Amino acid sequence: MQRFSTFEIDELKLVYRVLHKNLMGHMELMDAEFLDALQSWLQYRATQDGVDVSVHAQWEAWLKGQAAPTPTVGAEGRVIPLTFDGM
């Protein structure tokens, strides 16, 4: 994974976003060792920046260089999503 440490993080994020956006058109990317290693490195770096990569909105915001959205908390303390992925 250290092999990515020599590259600028913003360039790696861009490459990842472009590859990820084109997965459906190039299904062979799903099994590409490069993409898997790149994602692992970026997730490691994101966690170093305090991002919870299991929360899609935080991960996506970090990849785009944006501030993570603040979750909306309802009356019972539950997080109410503002958007639904995949809909």
C-alpha atoms as a PDB file:
ATOM      1  CA  MET A   1       0.000   0.000   0.000  1.00  0.00           C
ATOM      2  CA  GLN A   2       2.892   2.351   0.624  1.00  0.00           C
ATOM      3  CA  ARG A   3       3.439   2.517  -3.138  1.00  0.00           C
ATOM      4  CA  PHE A   4       0.752   5.220  -3.329  1.00  0.00           C
ATOM      5  CA  SER A   5       2.415   7.428  -0.716  1.00  0.00           C
ATOM      6  CA  THR A   6       4.617   9.094  -3.340  1.00  0.00           C
ATOM      7  CA  PHE A   7       1.616  10.520  -5.199  1.00  0.00           C
ATOM      8  CA  GLU A   8      -0.434  13.600  -4.331  1.00  0.00           C
ATOM      9  CA  ILE A   9      -3.576  12.572  -2.469  1.00  0.00           C
ATOM     10  CA  ASP A  10      -5.799  14.816  -4.604  1.00  0.00           C
ATOM     11  CA  GLU A  11      -4.549  13.084  -7.765  1.00  0.00           C
ATOM     12  CA  LEU A  12      -5.241   9.674  -6.263  1.00  0.00           C
ATOM     13  CA  LYS A  13      -8.748  10.770  -5.272  1.00  0.00           C
ATOM     14  CA  LEU A  14      -9.378  11.968  -8.834  1.00  0.00           C
ATOM     15  CA  VAL A  15      -8.160   8.695 -10.368  1.00  0.00           C
ATOM     16  CA  TYR A  16     -10.289   6.700  -7.936  1.00  0.00           C
ATOM     17  CA  ARG A  17     -13.419   8.781  -8.619  1.00  0.00           C
ATOM     18  CA  VAL A  18     -12.996   8.410 -12.396  1.00  0.00           C
ATOM     19  CA  LEU A  19     -12.426   4.657 -12.170  1.00  0.00           C
ATOM     20  CA  HIS A  20     -15.295   4.156  -9.734  1.00  0.00           C
ATOM     21  CA  LYS A  21     -17.656   6.215 -11.898  1.00  0.00           C
ATOM     22  CA  ASN A  22     -16.892   3.948 -14.862  1.00  0.00           C
ATOM     23  CA  LEU A  23     -17.214   0.567 -13.132  1.00  0.00           C
ATOM     24  CA  MET A  24     -20.479  -0.359 -14.825  1.00  0.00           C
ATOM     25  CA  GLY A  25     -18.992   0.227 -18.272  1.00  0.00           C
ATOM     26  CA  HIS A  26     -15.837  -1.739 -17.451  1.00  0.00           C
ATOM     27  CA  MET A  27     -16.783  -4.590 -15.154  1.00  0.00           C
ATOM     28  CA  GLU A  28     -13.234  -5.960 -15.283  1.00  0.00           C
ATOM     29  CA  LEU A  29     -12.275  -3.080 -12.955  1.00  0.00           C
ATOM     30  CA  MET A  30     -14.242  -4.794 -10.185  1.00  0.00           C
ATOM     31  CA  ASP A  31     -11.511  -7.433  -9.890  1.00  0.00           C
ATOM     32  CA  ALA A  32      -8.556  -5.162 -10.633  1.00  0.00           C
ATOM     33  CA  GLU A  33      -5.871  -5.399  -7.967  1.00  0.00           C
ATOM     34  CA  PHE A  34      -4.898  -1.780  -8.675  1.00  0.00           C
ATOM     35  CA  LEU A  35      -8.367  -0.436  -7.853  1.00  0.00           C
ATOM     36  CA  ASP A  36      -8.578  -2.542  -4.704  1.00  0.00           C
ATOM     37  CA  ALA A  37      -5.156  -1.350  -3.516  1.00  0.00           C
ATOM     38  CA  LEU A  38      -5.984   2.266  -4.362  1.00  0.00           C
ATOM     39  CA  GLN A  39      -9.271   2.102  -2.452  1.00  0.00           C
ATOM     40  CA  SER A  40      -7.542   0.550   0.562  1.00  0.00           C
ATOM     41  CA  TRP A  41      -4.891   3.276   0.563  1.00  0.00           C
ATOM     42  CA  LEU A  42      -7.467   6.047   0.256  1.00  0.00           C
ATOM     43  CA  GLN A  43      -9.580   4.567   3.039  1.00  0.00           C
ATOM     44  CA  TYR A  44      -6.496   4.392   5.242  1.00  0.00           C
ATOM     45  CA  ARG A  45      -5.705   8.050   4.499  1.00  0.00           C
ATOM     46  CA  ALA A  46      -9.323   9.077   5.096  1.00  0.00           C
ATOM     47  CA  THR A  47      -9.334   7.435   8.517  1.00  0.00           C
ATOM     48  CA  GLN A  48      -6.124   9.320   9.317  1.00  0.00           C
ATOM     49  CA  ASP A  49      -8.125  12.487   8.583  1.00  0.00           C
ATOM     50  CA  GLY A  50     -10.869  11.386  10.996  1.00  0.00           C
ATOM     51  CA  VAL A  51     -13.313  10.131   8.373  1.00  0.00           C
ATOM     52  CA  ASP A  52     -15.545   7.180   9.178  1.00  0.00           C
ATOM     53  CA  VAL A  53     -15.292   5.401   5.823  1.00  0.00           C
ATOM     54  CA  SER A  54     -18.243   3.167   6.742  1.00  0.00           C
ATOM     55  CA  VAL A  55     -20.452   6.268   6.489  1.00  0.00           C
ATOM     56  CA  HIS A  56     -20.856   6.734   2.743  1.00  0.00           C
ATOM     57  CA  ALA A  57     -21.575  10.477   2.955  1.00  0.00           C
ATOM     58  CA  GLN A  58     -18.335  11.097   4.876  1.00  0.00           C
ATOM     59  CA  TRP A  59     -16.284   8.925   2.512  1.00  0.00           C
ATOM     60  CA  GLU A  60     -17.762  10.560  -0.587  1.00  0.00           C
ATOM     61  CA  ALA A  61     -17.284  14.083   0.799  1.00  0.00           C
ATOM     62  CA  TRP A  62     -13.647  13.317   1.631  1.00  0.00           C
ATOM     63  CA  LEU A  63     -13.038  11.951  -1.872  1.00  0.00           C
ATOM     64  CA  LYS A  64     -14.440  15.176  -3.325  1.00  0.00           C
ATOM     65  CA  GLY A  65     -12.429  17.376  -0.946  1.00  0.00           C
ATOM     66  CA  GLN A  66     -15.581  18.630   0.753  1.00  0.00           C
ATOM     67  CA  ALA A  67     -16.541  18.934   4.395  1.00  0.00           C
ATOM     68  CA  ALA A  68     -18.460  15.958   5.715  1.00  0.00           C
ATOM     69  CA  PRO A  69     -22.189  16.613   6.036  1.00  0.00           C
ATOM     70  CA  THR A  70     -23.608  16.956   9.521  1.00  0.00           C
ATOM     71  CA  PRO A  71     -26.115  14.171  10.219  1.00  0.00           C
ATOM     72  CA  THR A  72     -29.644  15.162  11.142  1.00  0.00           C
ATOM     73  CA  VAL A  73     -30.720  13.703  14.487  1.00  0.00           C
ATOM     74  CA  GLY A  74     -34.394  13.048  15.158  1.00  0.00           C
ATOM     75  CA  ALA A  75     -36.284  13.185  18.461  1.00  0.00           C
ATOM     76  CA  GLU A  76     -35.184   9.683  19.453  1.00  0.00           C
ATOM     77  CA  GLY A  77     -31.535  10.282  18.611  1.00  0.00           C
ATOM     78  CA  ARG A  78     -31.675   8.426  15.303  1.00  0.00           C
ATOM     79  CA  VAL A  79     -29.861   9.709  12.230  1.00  0.00           C
ATOM     80  CA  ILE A  80     -32.334  10.663   9.521  1.00  0.00           C
ATOM     81  CA  PRO A  81     -30.724  10.482   6.069  1.00  0.00           C
ATOM     82  CA  LEU A  82     -31.295  13.464   3.819  1.00  0.00           C
ATOM     83  CA  THR A  83     -30.768  11.432   0.657  1.00  0.00           C
ATOM     84  CA  PHE A  84     -31.086   7.787  -0.202  1.00  0.00           C
ATOM     85  CA  ASP A  85     -28.297   6.230  -2.278  1.00  0.00           C
ATOM     86  CA  GLY A  86     -29.457   4.056  -5.109  1.00  0.00           C
ATOM     87  CA  MET A  87     -32.924   5.575  -5.424  1.00  0.00           C
END
